[in-house]
Amino acid sequence: MKLLLSLAAVATVAASAVMANDLPANIRAAVDNSNRNPENTVRDADRKPGEVLKFFGVEEGMTVVDIASGGGYFTEVISGIVGPDGNVRAHNTPSQQFEDGRAVLEAQYAKFGNIAIDVVERGTALPYEDNSVDVLLLSLIVHHLHFDEANPDAMPERSATIYGDFKRVLKPGGVFAIIEHTAAPGSSRAESAGWHRAPEDIIKADITSTGFIFDGGADIHVNPDDDQMNVWYEVGLRGKTTRMVHRYIKPE
């Protein structure tokens, strides 16, 4: 079994190397941009931003919203890919932690020239016009959206509302892009939420029920040593979990 796992790990590394070498020039340049925060770039080996954003179809001139963008890991790379004719919205919710670091973040984003910070209260609609966004990215947030103790076997109503608002702002044919820690197949909403993960089948069912079309997934983050039934930050898997990378499309 250990030999099989080792071979699988080698195959995954080899496939990742091929994908990295196949990146368009603008994506390679965006990843290598010296303006990026060094605290972000050290995570590239695990997060593989070039491969992920290529799969999501981020291209020059696009408008992209990075939901719950935090310290801007993906925001900065997206900025370089969409270029000067593109537009990146770094979405955040208000908090003291965000306000404490806002000035530093604004100074960092000023180096890029096409990033705007949007602070949006929880439970309110996104401040973007209907049919105005090419790609909306939701990274490592879905595990907060698929479970509610009051109705443990169904998608929470608040999540259906959130996904509906995402669909509203996306252009027809626009991409709802998801990255999430994967829970073991067959796990329930409750147990996967306890692991800070989500099962792929439940996420697909939830999101497609709101009118999106599932457009495929990519095996970019696969760790054969992750049994997907653990609280990843308690077992040394921070940055090394198996993660789903899903594309959903707003119908034309």
C-alpha atoms as a PDB file:
ATOM      1  CA  MET A   1       0.000   0.000   0.000  1.00  0.00           C
ATOM      2  CA  LYS A   2       2.811   2.434   0.854  1.00  0.00           C
ATOM      3  CA  LEU A   3       4.407   1.703  -2.534  1.00  0.00           C
ATOM      4  CA  LEU A   4       1.119   2.445  -4.309  1.00  0.00           C
ATOM      5  CA  LEU A   5       0.731   5.700  -2.402  1.00  0.00           C
ATOM      6  CA  SER A   6       4.300   6.685  -3.247  1.00  0.00           C
ATOM      7  CA  LEU A   7       3.727   5.964  -6.944  1.00  0.00           C
ATOM      8  CA  ALA A   8       0.524   8.004  -6.844  1.00  0.00           C
ATOM      9  CA  ALA A   9       2.360  10.897  -5.236  1.00  0.00           C
ATOM     10  CA  VAL A  10       5.094  10.770  -7.907  1.00  0.00           C
ATOM     11  CA  ALA A  11       2.454  10.726 -10.648  1.00  0.00           C
ATOM     12  CA  THR A  12       0.713  13.730  -9.118  1.00  0.00           C
ATOM     13  CA  VAL A  13       3.963  15.706  -8.901  1.00  0.00           C
ATOM     14  CA  ALA A  14       4.830  14.809 -12.508  1.00  0.00           C
ATOM     15  CA  ALA A  15       1.383  15.868 -13.751  1.00  0.00           C
ATOM     16  CA  SER A  16       1.653  19.156 -11.863  1.00  0.00           C
ATOM     17  CA  ALA A  17       5.043  19.848 -13.424  1.00  0.00           C
ATOM     18  CA  VAL A  18       3.600  19.297 -16.906  1.00  0.00           C
ATOM     19  CA  MET A  19       0.686  21.631 -16.146  1.00  0.00           C
ATOM     20  CA  ALA A  20       3.028  24.325 -14.798  1.00  0.00           C
ATOM     21  CA  ASN A  21       5.169  24.187 -17.950  1.00  0.00           C
ATOM     22  CA  ASP A  22       2.043  24.513 -20.105  1.00  0.00           C
ATOM     23  CA  LEU A  23       0.912  27.849 -18.637  1.00  0.00           C
ATOM     24  CA  PRO A  24       0.316  30.832 -20.941  1.00  0.00           C
ATOM     25  CA  ALA A  25       2.959  33.551 -20.714  1.00  0.00           C
ATOM     26  CA  ASN A  26       0.673  36.045 -18.978  1.00  0.00           C
ATOM     27  CA  ILE A  27      -0.195  33.525 -16.252  1.00  0.00           C
ATOM     28  CA  ARG A  28       3.453  32.609 -15.687  1.00  0.00           C
ATOM     29  CA  ALA A  29       4.281  36.321 -15.467  1.00  0.00           C
ATOM     30  CA  ALA A  30       1.446  36.914 -12.993  1.00  0.00           C
ATOM     31  CA  VAL A  31       2.687  34.134 -10.720  1.00  0.00           C
ATOM     32  CA  ASP A  32       6.281  35.386 -10.969  1.00  0.00           C
ATOM     33  CA  ASN A  33       5.346  39.057 -10.437  1.00  0.00           C
ATOM     34  CA  SER A  34       7.822  40.583  -7.973  1.00  0.00           C
ATOM     35  CA  ASN A  35       5.091  42.901  -6.650  1.00  0.00           C
ATOM     36  CA  ARG A  36       3.337  39.975  -4.995  1.00  0.00           C
ATOM     37  CA  ASN A  37       3.455  39.787  -1.216  1.00  0.00           C
ATOM     38  CA  PRO A  38       6.297  37.379  -0.270  1.00  0.00           C
ATOM     39  CA  GLU A  39       4.048  35.876   2.399  1.00  0.00           C
ATOM     40  CA  ASN A  40       1.780  34.782  -0.450  1.00  0.00           C
ATOM     41  CA  THR A  41       4.409  33.493  -2.856  1.00  0.00           C
ATOM     42  CA  VAL A  42       5.770  30.954  -0.352  1.00  0.00           C
ATOM     43  CA  ARG A  43       2.436  29.129  -0.623  1.00  0.00           C
ATOM     44  CA  ASP A  44       2.598  28.652  -4.392  1.00  0.00           C
ATOM     45  CA  ALA A  45       3.986  25.107  -4.298  1.00  0.00           C
ATOM     46  CA  ASP A  46       0.882  23.958  -2.432  1.00  0.00           C
ATOM     47  CA  ARG A  47      -1.737  26.190  -4.010  1.00  0.00           C
ATOM     48  CA  LYS A  48      -0.538  26.036  -7.654  1.00  0.00           C
ATOM     49  CA  PRO A  49      -2.252  29.314  -8.572  1.00  0.00           C
ATOM     50  CA  GLY A  50      -1.260  29.268 -12.234  1.00  0.00           C
ATOM     51  CA  GLU A  51      -2.746  25.843 -12.898  1.00  0.00           C
ATOM     52  CA  VAL A  52      -5.884  26.648 -10.913  1.00  0.00           C
ATOM     53  CA  LEU A  53      -6.596  29.985 -12.580  1.00  0.00           C
ATOM     54  CA  LYS A  54      -5.873  28.572 -16.034  1.00  0.00           C
ATOM     55  CA  PHE A  55      -8.469  25.851 -15.384  1.00  0.00           C
ATOM     56  CA  PHE A  56     -10.989  28.468 -14.278  1.00  0.00           C
ATOM     57  CA  GLY A  57     -10.432  30.325 -17.551  1.00  0.00           C
ATOM     58  CA  VAL A  58      -9.196  33.643 -16.158  1.00  0.00           C
ATOM     59  CA  GLU A  59      -7.973  35.719 -19.098  1.00  0.00           C
ATOM     60  CA  GLU A  60      -6.818  39.217 -20.010  1.00  0.00           C
ATOM     61  CA  GLY A  61      -9.426  41.970 -19.801  1.00  0.00           C
ATOM     62  CA  MET A  62     -11.811  40.103 -17.505  1.00  0.00           C
ATOM     63  CA  THR A  63     -13.664  41.362 -14.448  1.00  0.00           C
ATOM     64  CA  VAL A  64     -13.058  38.946 -11.564  1.00  0.00           C
ATOM     65  CA  VAL A  65     -14.461  38.989  -8.025  1.00  0.00           C
ATOM     66  CA  ASP A  66     -12.427  37.242  -5.309  1.00  0.00           C
ATOM     67  CA  ILE A  67     -14.953  36.533  -2.546  1.00  0.00           C
ATOM     68  CA  ALA A  68     -13.571  36.680   1.023  1.00  0.00           C
ATOM     69  CA  SER A  69     -10.216  37.560  -0.492  1.00  0.00           C
ATOM     70  CA  GLY A  70      -8.435  38.015   2.836  1.00  0.00           C
ATOM     71  CA  GLY A  71      -4.742  38.759   2.349  1.00  0.00           C
ATOM     72  CA  GLY A  72      -5.101  38.686  -1.421  1.00  0.00           C
ATOM     73  CA  TYR A  73      -3.365  35.438  -2.299  1.00  0.00           C
ATOM     74  CA  PHE A  74      -5.412  34.869  -5.458  1.00  0.00           C
ATOM     75  CA  THR A  75      -6.288  38.550  -5.892  1.00  0.00           C
ATOM     76  CA  GLU A  76      -2.700  39.475  -6.733  1.00  0.00           C
ATOM     77  CA  VAL A  77      -2.227  36.674  -9.267  1.00  0.00           C
ATOM     78  CA  ILE A  78      -5.583  37.366 -10.907  1.00  0.00           C
ATOM     79  CA  SER A  79      -4.566  41.022 -11.232  1.00  0.00           C
ATOM     80  CA  GLY A  80      -1.544  40.086 -13.306  1.00  0.00           C
ATOM     81  CA  ILE A  81      -3.519  37.708 -15.513  1.00  0.00           C
ATOM     82  CA  VAL A  82      -6.359  40.100 -16.385  1.00  0.00           C
ATOM     83  CA  GLY A  83      -3.867  42.912 -16.987  1.00  0.00           C
ATOM     84  CA  PRO A  84      -4.405  46.670 -17.209  1.00  0.00           C
ATOM     85  CA  ASP A  85      -7.667  46.293 -19.117  1.00  0.00           C
ATOM     86  CA  GLY A  86      -9.041  43.936 -16.478  1.00  0.00           C
ATOM     87  CA  ASN A  87     -10.682  44.614 -13.156  1.00  0.00           C
ATOM     88  CA  VAL A  88     -10.269  42.732  -9.866  1.00  0.00           C
ATOM     89  CA  ARG A  89     -12.630  43.188  -6.934  1.00  0.00           C
ATOM     90  CA  ALA A  90     -11.196  42.061  -3.594  1.00  0.00           C
ATOM     91  CA  HIS A  91     -14.328  41.277  -1.575  1.00  0.00           C
ATOM     92  CA  ASN A  92     -14.187  41.222   2.236  1.00  0.00           C
ATOM     93  CA  THR A  93     -16.619  41.375   5.123  1.00  0.00           C
ATOM     94  CA  PRO A  94     -16.136  43.986   7.868  1.00  0.00           C
ATOM     95  CA  SER A  95     -14.124  42.953  10.911  1.00  0.00           C
ATOM     96  CA  GLN A  96     -11.625  44.525  13.269  1.00  0.00           C
ATOM     97  CA  GLN A  97      -8.921  42.262  11.899  1.00  0.00           C
ATOM     98  CA  PHE A  98      -9.590  43.494   8.375  1.00  0.00           C
ATOM     99  CA  GLU A  99      -9.626  47.149   9.433  1.00  0.00           C
ATOM    100  CA  ASP A 100      -6.366  46.715  11.350  1.00  0.00           C
ATOM    101  CA  GLY A 101      -4.627  45.515   8.199  1.00  0.00           C
ATOM    102  CA  ARG A 102      -6.517  47.530   5.614  1.00  0.00           C
ATOM    103  CA  ALA A 103      -3.957  50.324   5.142  1.00  0.00           C
ATOM    104  CA  VAL A 104      -1.173  47.824   4.504  1.00  0.00           C
ATOM    105  CA  LEU A 105      -3.359  45.883   2.072  1.00  0.00           C
ATOM    106  CA  GLU A 106      -4.359  49.024   0.180  1.00  0.00           C
ATOM    107  CA  ALA A 107      -0.698  50.021  -0.159  1.00  0.00           C
ATOM    108  CA  GLN A 108       0.140  46.545  -1.438  1.00  0.00           C
ATOM    109  CA  TYR A 109      -2.692  46.550  -3.977  1.00  0.00           C
ATOM    110  CA  ALA A 110      -1.697  50.007  -5.232  1.00  0.00           C
ATOM    111  CA  LYS A 111       1.332  48.361  -6.863  1.00  0.00           C
ATOM    112  CA  PHE A 112      -0.979  46.480  -9.228  1.00  0.00           C
ATOM    113  CA  GLY A 113      -3.227  49.277 -10.480  1.00  0.00           C
ATOM    114  CA  ASN A 114      -6.384  47.262 -11.160  1.00  0.00           C
ATOM    115  CA  ILE A 115      -7.503  45.997  -7.730  1.00  0.00           C
ATOM    116  CA  ALA A 116     -10.347  47.558  -5.734  1.00  0.00           C
ATOM    117  CA  ILE A 117     -11.344  46.538  -2.200  1.00  0.00           C
ATOM    118  CA  ASP A 118     -15.052  46.062  -1.504  1.00  0.00           C
ATOM    119  CA  VAL A 119     -16.206  45.668   2.105  1.00  0.00           C
ATOM    120  CA  VAL A 120     -19.659  44.088   2.146  1.00  0.00           C
ATOM    121  CA  GLU A 121     -21.797  43.332   5.191  1.00  0.00           C
ATOM    122  CA  ARG A 122     -22.712  39.682   5.665  1.00  0.00           C
ATOM    123  CA  GLY A 123     -26.189  38.869   4.416  1.00  0.00           C
ATOM    124  CA  THR A 124     -26.338  41.753   1.940  1.00  0.00           C
ATOM    125  CA  ALA A 125     -26.282  41.603  -1.839  1.00  0.00           C
ATOM    126  CA  LEU A 126     -23.019  42.008  -3.707  1.00  0.00           C
ATOM    127  CA  PRO A 127     -22.425  45.603  -4.882  1.00  0.00           C
ATOM    128  CA  TYR A 128     -21.984  44.631  -8.535  1.00  0.00           C
ATOM    129  CA  GLU A 129     -24.346  45.126 -11.446  1.00  0.00           C
ATOM    130  CA  ASP A 130     -26.302  42.246 -12.913  1.00  0.00           C
ATOM    131  CA  ASN A 131     -24.403  40.326 -15.625  1.00  0.00           C
ATOM    132  CA  SER A 132     -21.169  42.251 -15.051  1.00  0.00           C
ATOM    133  CA  VAL A 133     -18.634  39.675 -13.764  1.00  0.00           C
ATOM    134  CA  ASP A 134     -16.680  37.125 -15.835  1.00  0.00           C
ATOM    135  CA  VAL A 135     -15.372  34.948 -12.998  1.00  0.00           C
ATOM    136  CA  LEU A 136     -16.341  34.775  -9.331  1.00  0.00           C
ATOM    137  CA  LEU A 137     -13.902  32.875  -7.115  1.00  0.00           C
ATOM    138  CA  LEU A 138     -14.839  31.256  -3.799  1.00  0.00           C
ATOM    139  CA  SER A 139     -11.778  29.682  -2.189  1.00  0.00           C
ATOM    140  CA  LEU A 140     -11.989  27.562   0.981  1.00  0.00           C
ATOM    141  CA  ILE A 141     -15.355  29.017   2.022  1.00  0.00           C
ATOM    142  CA  VAL A 142     -17.910  26.434   0.839  1.00  0.00           C
ATOM    143  CA  HIS A 143     -17.424  24.303   3.949  1.00  0.00           C
ATOM    144  CA  HIS A 144     -19.200  27.116   5.821  1.00  0.00           C
ATOM    145  CA  LEU A 145     -22.159  27.033   3.436  1.00  0.00           C
ATOM    146  CA  HIS A 146     -23.366  23.449   3.162  1.00  0.00           C
ATOM    147  CA  PHE A 147     -24.569  22.726   6.708  1.00  0.00           C
ATOM    148  CA  ASP A 148     -27.073  24.186   9.138  1.00  0.00           C
ATOM    149  CA  GLU A 149     -27.853  22.479  12.454  1.00  0.00           C
ATOM    150  CA  ALA A 150     -31.485  23.553  12.186  1.00  0.00           C
ATOM    151  CA  ASN A 151     -31.912  21.536   8.963  1.00  0.00           C
ATOM    152  CA  PRO A 152     -28.913  19.189   8.836  1.00  0.00           C
ATOM    153  CA  ASP A 153     -29.814  17.225   5.712  1.00  0.00           C
ATOM    154  CA  ALA A 154     -30.460  20.078   3.306  1.00  0.00           C
ATOM    155  CA  MET A 155     -28.670  23.056   1.809  1.00  0.00           C
ATOM    156  CA  PRO A 156     -29.121  26.064   4.111  1.00  0.00           C
ATOM    157  CA  GLU A 157     -31.556  28.658   2.773  1.00  0.00           C
ATOM    158  CA  ARG A 158     -28.989  31.408   3.294  1.00  0.00           C
ATOM    159  CA  SER A 159     -26.585  29.535   0.993  1.00  0.00           C
ATOM    160  CA  ALA A 160     -29.188  29.260  -1.749  1.00  0.00           C
ATOM    161  CA  THR A 161     -29.603  33.038  -1.476  1.00  0.00           C
ATOM    162  CA  ILE A 162     -25.838  33.577  -1.676  1.00  0.00           C
ATOM    163  CA  TYR A 163     -25.460  31.351  -4.737  1.00  0.00           C
ATOM    164  CA  GLY A 164     -28.406  33.106  -6.352  1.00  0.00           C
ATOM    165  CA  ASP A 165     -26.699  36.462  -5.860  1.00  0.00           C
ATOM    166  CA  PHE A 166     -23.492  35.074  -7.354  1.00  0.00           C
ATOM    167  CA  LYS A 167     -25.478  33.994 -10.411  1.00  0.00           C
ATOM    168  CA  ARG A 168     -27.097  37.419 -10.665  1.00  0.00           C
ATOM    169  CA  VAL A 169     -23.793  39.289 -10.993  1.00  0.00           C
ATOM    170  CA  LEU A 170     -22.119  36.798 -13.354  1.00  0.00           C
ATOM    171  CA  LYS A 171     -22.416  37.325 -17.072  1.00  0.00           C
ATOM    172  CA  PRO A 172     -24.214  34.629 -19.077  1.00  0.00           C
ATOM    173  CA  GLY A 173     -21.519  31.992 -19.561  1.00  0.00           C
ATOM    174  CA  GLY A 174     -19.598  33.375 -16.580  1.00  0.00           C
ATOM    175  CA  VAL A 175     -17.691  31.055 -14.250  1.00  0.00           C
ATOM    176  CA  PHE A 176     -18.390  30.364 -10.586  1.00  0.00           C
ATOM    177  CA  ALA A 177     -15.027  28.950  -9.460  1.00  0.00           C
ATOM    178  CA  ILE A 178     -14.695  26.877  -6.301  1.00  0.00           C
ATOM    179  CA  ILE A 179     -11.740  25.524  -4.323  1.00  0.00           C
ATOM    180  CA  GLU A 180     -12.499  23.532  -1.177  1.00  0.00           C
ATOM    181  CA  HIS A 181     -11.047  20.953   1.210  1.00  0.00           C
ATOM    182  CA  THR A 182     -12.663  17.701   0.070  1.00  0.00           C
ATOM    183  CA  ALA A 183     -14.474  15.421   2.502  1.00  0.00           C
ATOM    184  CA  ALA A 184     -14.512  11.650   2.028  1.00  0.00           C
ATOM    185  CA  PRO A 185     -17.184  10.358  -0.380  1.00  0.00           C
ATOM    186  CA  GLY A 186     -20.352   9.416   1.467  1.00  0.00           C
ATOM    187  CA  SER A 187     -19.728  11.709   4.415  1.00  0.00           C
ATOM    188  CA  SER A 188     -22.701  13.691   5.692  1.00  0.00           C
ATOM    189  CA  ARG A 189     -23.133  17.432   5.807  1.00  0.00           C
ATOM    190  CA  ALA A 190     -22.699  17.421   9.591  1.00  0.00           C
ATOM    191  CA  GLU A 191     -19.567  15.308   9.836  1.00  0.00           C
ATOM    192  CA  SER A 192     -17.850  17.025   6.894  1.00  0.00           C
ATOM    193  CA  ALA A 193     -18.624  20.461   8.357  1.00  0.00           C
ATOM    194  CA  GLY A 194     -17.019  19.264  11.585  1.00  0.00           C
ATOM    195  CA  TRP A 195     -13.876  18.488   9.610  1.00  0.00           C
ATOM    196  CA  HIS A 196     -13.999  21.939   7.925  1.00  0.00           C
ATOM    197  CA  ARG A 197     -14.473  20.157   4.616  1.00  0.00           C
ATOM    198  CA  ALA A 198     -17.266  19.428   2.121  1.00  0.00           C
ATOM    199  CA  PRO A 199     -18.182  16.369   0.010  1.00  0.00           C
ATOM    200  CA  GLU A 200     -18.048  16.876  -3.744  1.00  0.00           C
ATOM    201  CA  ASP A 201     -21.413  15.279  -4.460  1.00  0.00           C
ATOM    202  CA  ILE A 202     -23.229  17.514  -1.975  1.00  0.00           C
ATOM    203  CA  ILE A 203     -21.570  20.676  -3.291  1.00  0.00           C
ATOM    204  CA  LYS A 204     -22.434  19.775  -6.887  1.00  0.00           C
ATOM    205  CA  ALA A 205     -26.043  19.094  -5.927  1.00  0.00           C
ATOM    206  CA  ASP A 206     -26.362  22.321  -3.937  1.00  0.00           C
ATOM    207  CA  ILE A 207     -24.888  24.624  -6.553  1.00  0.00           C
ATOM    208  CA  THR A 208     -26.582  23.086  -9.575  1.00  0.00           C
ATOM    209  CA  SER A 209     -29.912  23.277  -7.744  1.00  0.00           C
ATOM    210  CA  THR A 210     -29.577  27.075  -7.880  1.00  0.00           C
ATOM    211  CA  GLY A 211     -29.313  27.102 -11.675  1.00  0.00           C
ATOM    212  CA  PHE A 212     -25.592  26.700 -12.323  1.00  0.00           C
ATOM    213  CA  ILE A 213     -24.215  24.050 -14.682  1.00  0.00           C
ATOM    214  CA  PHE A 214     -21.324  21.919 -13.459  1.00  0.00           C
ATOM    215  CA  ASP A 215     -18.518  22.335 -16.018  1.00  0.00           C
ATOM    216  CA  GLY A 216     -15.931  19.941 -14.625  1.00  0.00           C
ATOM    217  CA  GLY A 217     -13.292  19.551 -11.964  1.00  0.00           C
ATOM    218  CA  ALA A 218      -9.499  19.371 -11.978  1.00  0.00           C
ATOM    219  CA  ASP A 219      -7.276  17.032  -9.957  1.00  0.00           C
ATOM    220  CA  ILE A 220      -4.763  19.741  -9.112  1.00  0.00           C
ATOM    221  CA  HIS A 221      -4.702  19.255  -5.335  1.00  0.00           C
ATOM    222  CA  VAL A 222      -4.518  15.529  -4.615  1.00  0.00           C
ATOM    223  CA  ASN A 223      -2.735  14.170  -1.548  1.00  0.00           C
ATOM    224  CA  PRO A 224      -2.845  10.360  -1.204  1.00  0.00           C
ATOM    225  CA  ASP A 225      -1.873  10.759   2.460  1.00  0.00           C
ATOM    226  CA  ASP A 226      -5.051  12.741   3.198  1.00  0.00           C
ATOM    227  CA  ASP A 227      -7.899  10.383   4.136  1.00  0.00           C
ATOM    228  CA  GLN A 228     -10.307  13.348   3.867  1.00  0.00           C
ATOM    229  CA  MET A 229     -11.847  12.459   7.238  1.00  0.00           C
ATOM    230  CA  ASN A 230      -9.842  14.766   9.478  1.00  0.00           C
ATOM    231  CA  VAL A 231      -9.648  18.325  10.744  1.00  0.00           C
ATOM    232  CA  TRP A 232      -6.778  19.219   8.441  1.00  0.00           C
ATOM    233  CA  TYR A 233      -5.201  21.907  10.615  1.00  0.00           C
ATOM    234  CA  GLU A 234      -5.009  19.517  13.562  1.00  0.00           C
ATOM    235  CA  VAL A 235      -3.139  16.767  11.695  1.00  0.00           C
ATOM    236  CA  GLY A 236      -0.442  18.739   9.880  1.00  0.00           C
ATOM    237  CA  LEU A 237      -2.243  19.044   6.533  1.00  0.00           C
ATOM    238  CA  ARG A 238      -2.514  22.832   6.333  1.00  0.00           C
ATOM    239  CA  GLY A 239      -1.917  23.666   2.678  1.00  0.00           C
ATOM    240  CA  LYS A 240      -1.643  19.979   1.790  1.00  0.00           C
ATOM    241  CA  THR A 241      -5.228  18.692   1.739  1.00  0.00           C
ATOM    242  CA  THR A 242      -6.940  17.081  -1.195  1.00  0.00           C
ATOM    243  CA  ARG A 243      -9.095  19.905  -2.567  1.00  0.00           C
ATOM    244  CA  MET A 244     -11.877  20.017  -5.115  1.00  0.00           C
ATOM    245  CA  VAL A 245     -11.373  22.522  -7.934  1.00  0.00           C
ATOM    246  CA  HIS A 246     -14.751  22.983  -9.641  1.00  0.00           C
ATOM    247  CA  ARG A 247     -16.070  25.155 -12.481  1.00  0.00           C
ATOM    248  CA  TYR A 248     -19.745  26.068 -12.601  1.00  0.00           C
ATOM    249  CA  ILE A 249     -21.265  28.058 -15.445  1.00  0.00           C
ATOM    250  CA  LYS A 250     -24.144  30.519 -15.486  1.00  0.00           C
ATOM    251  CA  PRO A 251     -26.337  29.422 -18.417  1.00  0.00           C
ATOM    252  CA  GLU A 252     -26.249  31.579 -21.529  1.00  0.00           C
END
